């Protein structure tokens, strides 16, 4: 069942994004905007969330070819 982030979850994700913002300067503002209206769904246990937002595609660097470990 999908639901909105709780205030505590929202603050935690916001904190994690802000701490990592220097590493992901181009992506952090987009991520902050996405958590404003995203929904989540618990996956197997309450501590594992699947986040869903309205953005259909992402053109970031994390392509399967770049993430492949040889």
N, C-alpha and C. Protein backbone atom coordinates (compact mmCIF):
# COMPACT_ATOMS: atom_id res chain seq x y z
N UNK A 1 0.84 -1.18 0.00
CA UNK A 1 0.00 0.00 0.00
C UNK A 1 0.90 1.25 0.00
N UNK A 2 0.64 2.13 -0.92
CA UNK A 2 1.44 3.36 -1.00
C UNK A 2 0.95 4.37 0.03
N UNK A 3 1.93 5.14 0.50
CA UNK A 3 1.62 6.19 1.48
C UNK A 3 2.65 7.30 1.33
N UNK A 4 2.37 8.44 1.95
CA UNK A 4 3.32 9.54 1.98
C UNK A 4 4.38 9.25 3.04
N UNK A 5 5.52 9.90 2.93
CA UNK A 5 6.55 9.78 3.95
C UNK A 5 6.04 10.35 5.26
N UNK A 6 6.41 9.73 6.37
CA UNK A 6 6.11 10.32 7.66
C UNK A 6 7.04 11.50 7.86
N UNK A 7 6.70 12.44 8.75
CA UNK A 7 7.62 13.56 9.00
C UNK A 7 9.02 13.10 9.40
N UNK A 8 9.11 12.07 10.19
CA UNK A 8 10.41 11.55 10.62
C UNK A 8 11.20 10.99 9.43
N UNK A 9 10.55 10.22 8.57
CA UNK A 9 11.21 9.67 7.38
C UNK A 9 11.66 10.80 6.46
N UNK A 10 10.81 11.80 6.31
CA UNK A 10 11.14 12.94 5.46
C UNK A 10 12.39 13.66 5.97
N UNK A 11 12.45 13.91 7.26
CA UNK A 11 13.63 14.57 7.85
C UNK A 11 14.88 13.73 7.69
N UNK A 12 14.76 12.42 7.85
CA UNK A 12 15.91 11.54 7.71
C UNK A 12 16.44 11.54 6.27
N UNK A 13 15.56 11.42 5.31
CA UNK A 13 15.99 11.42 3.91
C UNK A 13 16.58 12.78 3.54
N UNK A 14 15.95 13.85 4.01
CA UNK A 14 16.48 15.20 3.76
C UNK A 14 17.89 15.34 4.34
N UNK A 15 18.10 14.82 5.54
CA UNK A 15 19.42 14.86 6.17
C UNK A 15 20.43 14.06 5.34
N UNK A 16 20.07 12.87 4.93
CA UNK A 16 20.99 12.03 4.15
C UNK A 16 21.36 12.69 2.82
N UNK A 17 20.40 13.31 2.18
CA UNK A 17 20.69 14.01 0.93
C UNK A 17 21.63 15.19 1.20
N UNK A 18 21.36 15.95 2.26
CA UNK A 18 22.20 17.13 2.54
C UNK A 18 23.63 16.73 2.89
N UNK A 19 23.81 15.64 3.61
CA UNK A 19 25.15 15.18 3.96
C UNK A 19 25.92 14.75 2.71
N UNK A 20 25.22 14.15 1.76
CA UNK A 20 25.87 13.66 0.55
C UNK A 20 25.85 14.65 -0.61
N UNK A 21 25.26 15.82 -0.40
CA UNK A 21 25.15 16.82 -1.46
C UNK A 21 26.49 17.19 -2.10
N UNK A 22 27.58 17.32 -1.33
CA UNK A 22 28.86 17.64 -1.98
C UNK A 22 29.30 16.60 -3.01
N UNK A 23 28.90 15.36 -2.81
CA UNK A 23 29.26 14.30 -3.76
C UNK A 23 28.34 14.27 -4.97
N UNK A 24 27.12 14.74 -4.80
CA UNK A 24 26.10 14.67 -5.85
C UNK A 24 25.50 16.05 -6.09
N UNK A 25 26.35 17.03 -6.34
CA UNK A 25 25.90 18.42 -6.48
C UNK A 25 24.82 18.59 -7.54
N UNK A 26 24.93 17.89 -8.64
CA UNK A 26 23.96 18.05 -9.72
C UNK A 26 22.63 17.38 -9.40
N UNK A 27 22.64 16.36 -8.56
CA UNK A 27 21.42 15.59 -8.29
C UNK A 27 20.69 15.97 -7.01
N UNK A 28 21.41 16.48 -6.01
CA UNK A 28 20.81 16.75 -4.71
C UNK A 28 19.58 17.67 -4.77
N UNK A 29 19.61 18.78 -5.52
CA UNK A 29 18.40 19.62 -5.57
C UNK A 29 17.18 18.89 -6.15
N UNK A 30 17.43 18.05 -7.14
CA UNK A 30 16.33 17.27 -7.75
C UNK A 30 15.78 16.28 -6.73
N UNK A 31 16.66 15.65 -5.97
CA UNK A 31 16.21 14.68 -4.97
C UNK A 31 15.40 15.36 -3.88
N UNK A 32 15.83 16.53 -3.44
CA UNK A 32 15.07 17.28 -2.43
C UNK A 32 13.68 17.60 -2.95
N UNK A 33 13.59 18.03 -4.19
CA UNK A 33 12.28 18.31 -4.79
C UNK A 33 11.42 17.06 -4.89
N UNK A 34 12.03 15.94 -5.23
CA UNK A 34 11.27 14.70 -5.39
C UNK A 34 10.66 14.21 -4.09
N UNK A 35 11.35 14.39 -2.97
CA UNK A 35 10.80 13.87 -1.72
C UNK A 35 9.66 14.73 -1.18
N UNK A 36 9.45 15.90 -1.77
CA UNK A 36 8.35 16.75 -1.32
C UNK A 36 6.99 16.12 -1.60
N UNK A 37 6.89 15.36 -2.68
CA UNK A 37 5.58 14.79 -3.04
C UNK A 37 5.65 13.32 -3.45
N UNK A 38 6.68 12.62 -2.99
CA UNK A 38 6.80 11.22 -3.35
C UNK A 38 5.92 10.36 -2.45
N UNK A 39 5.67 9.15 -2.89
CA UNK A 39 4.98 8.16 -2.08
C UNK A 39 5.95 7.01 -1.84
N UNK A 40 5.70 6.25 -0.80
CA UNK A 40 6.54 5.11 -0.48
C UNK A 40 5.67 3.88 -0.28
N UNK A 41 6.31 2.75 -0.44
CA UNK A 41 5.64 1.47 -0.22
C UNK A 41 6.62 0.60 0.55
N UNK A 42 6.18 0.01 1.64
CA UNK A 42 7.06 -0.85 2.42
C UNK A 42 7.35 -2.12 1.64
N UNK A 43 8.63 -2.51 1.63
CA UNK A 43 9.05 -3.69 0.90
C UNK A 43 9.54 -4.72 1.92
N UNK A 44 8.78 -5.75 2.12
CA UNK A 44 9.10 -6.86 3.03
C UNK A 44 9.06 -6.48 4.51
N UNK A 45 9.74 -5.43 4.90
CA UNK A 45 9.77 -4.99 6.30
C UNK A 45 9.57 -3.48 6.34
N UNK A 46 9.10 -2.94 7.46
CA UNK A 46 8.85 -1.50 7.54
C UNK A 46 10.09 -0.64 7.34
N UNK A 47 11.28 -1.20 7.48
CA UNK A 47 12.50 -0.42 7.37
C UNK A 47 13.06 -0.35 5.95
N UNK A 48 12.40 -0.99 5.02
CA UNK A 48 12.84 -0.97 3.63
C UNK A 48 11.72 -0.37 2.79
N UNK A 49 11.96 0.81 2.20
CA UNK A 49 10.93 1.52 1.47
C UNK A 49 11.27 1.61 -0.01
N UNK A 50 10.27 1.47 -0.83
CA UNK A 50 10.39 1.73 -2.25
C UNK A 50 9.78 3.11 -2.49
N UNK A 51 10.56 4.03 -3.07
CA UNK A 51 10.11 5.40 -3.28
C UNK A 51 9.63 5.57 -4.71
N UNK A 52 8.48 6.20 -4.86
CA UNK A 52 7.90 6.44 -6.17
C UNK A 52 7.66 7.93 -6.33
N UNK A 53 8.03 8.46 -7.51
CA UNK A 53 7.78 9.87 -7.78
C UNK A 53 7.38 10.02 -9.24
N UNK A 54 6.99 11.22 -9.63
CA UNK A 54 6.43 11.46 -10.95
C UNK A 54 7.41 11.49 -12.10
N UNK A 55 8.70 11.53 -11.81
CA UNK A 55 9.68 11.62 -12.89
C UNK A 55 9.74 10.29 -13.64
N UNK A 56 9.59 10.34 -14.96
CA UNK A 56 9.52 9.11 -15.74
C UNK A 56 10.89 8.56 -16.12
N UNK A 57 11.83 9.43 -16.44
CA UNK A 57 13.15 8.95 -16.85
C UNK A 57 14.22 9.69 -16.10
N UNK A 58 15.35 9.07 -16.05
CA UNK A 58 16.51 9.68 -15.39
C UNK A 58 17.71 9.46 -16.29
N UNK A 59 18.41 10.51 -16.58
CA UNK A 59 19.55 10.44 -17.49
C UNK A 59 20.86 10.57 -16.73
N UNK A 60 20.95 9.96 -15.57
CA UNK A 60 22.14 10.06 -14.75
C UNK A 60 23.24 9.12 -15.20
N UNK A 61 24.32 9.12 -14.44
CA UNK A 61 25.49 8.34 -14.79
C UNK A 61 25.36 6.87 -14.42
N UNK A 62 24.37 6.50 -13.62
CA UNK A 62 24.27 5.13 -13.12
C UNK A 62 23.67 4.17 -14.14
N UNK A 63 24.30 4.03 -15.27
CA UNK A 63 23.84 3.09 -16.29
C UNK A 63 24.39 1.71 -15.99
N UNK A 64 23.76 0.64 -16.46
CA UNK A 64 24.26 -0.71 -16.18
C UNK A 64 25.70 -0.90 -16.64
N UNK A 65 26.06 -0.28 -17.76
CA UNK A 65 27.43 -0.43 -18.27
C UNK A 65 28.45 0.18 -17.32
N UNK A 66 28.13 1.30 -16.74
CA UNK A 66 29.06 1.99 -15.84
C UNK A 66 29.12 1.32 -14.47
N UNK A 67 28.05 0.64 -14.07
CA UNK A 67 28.02 0.02 -12.76
C UNK A 67 28.52 -1.43 -12.78
N UNK A 68 28.76 -1.97 -13.95
CA UNK A 68 29.18 -3.36 -14.08
C UNK A 68 30.54 -3.56 -13.44
N UNK A 69 30.64 -4.61 -12.65
CA UNK A 69 31.91 -4.97 -12.01
C UNK A 69 32.50 -6.12 -12.80
N UNK A 70 33.73 -5.94 -13.25
CA UNK A 70 34.38 -7.00 -14.04
C UNK A 70 35.21 -7.92 -13.18
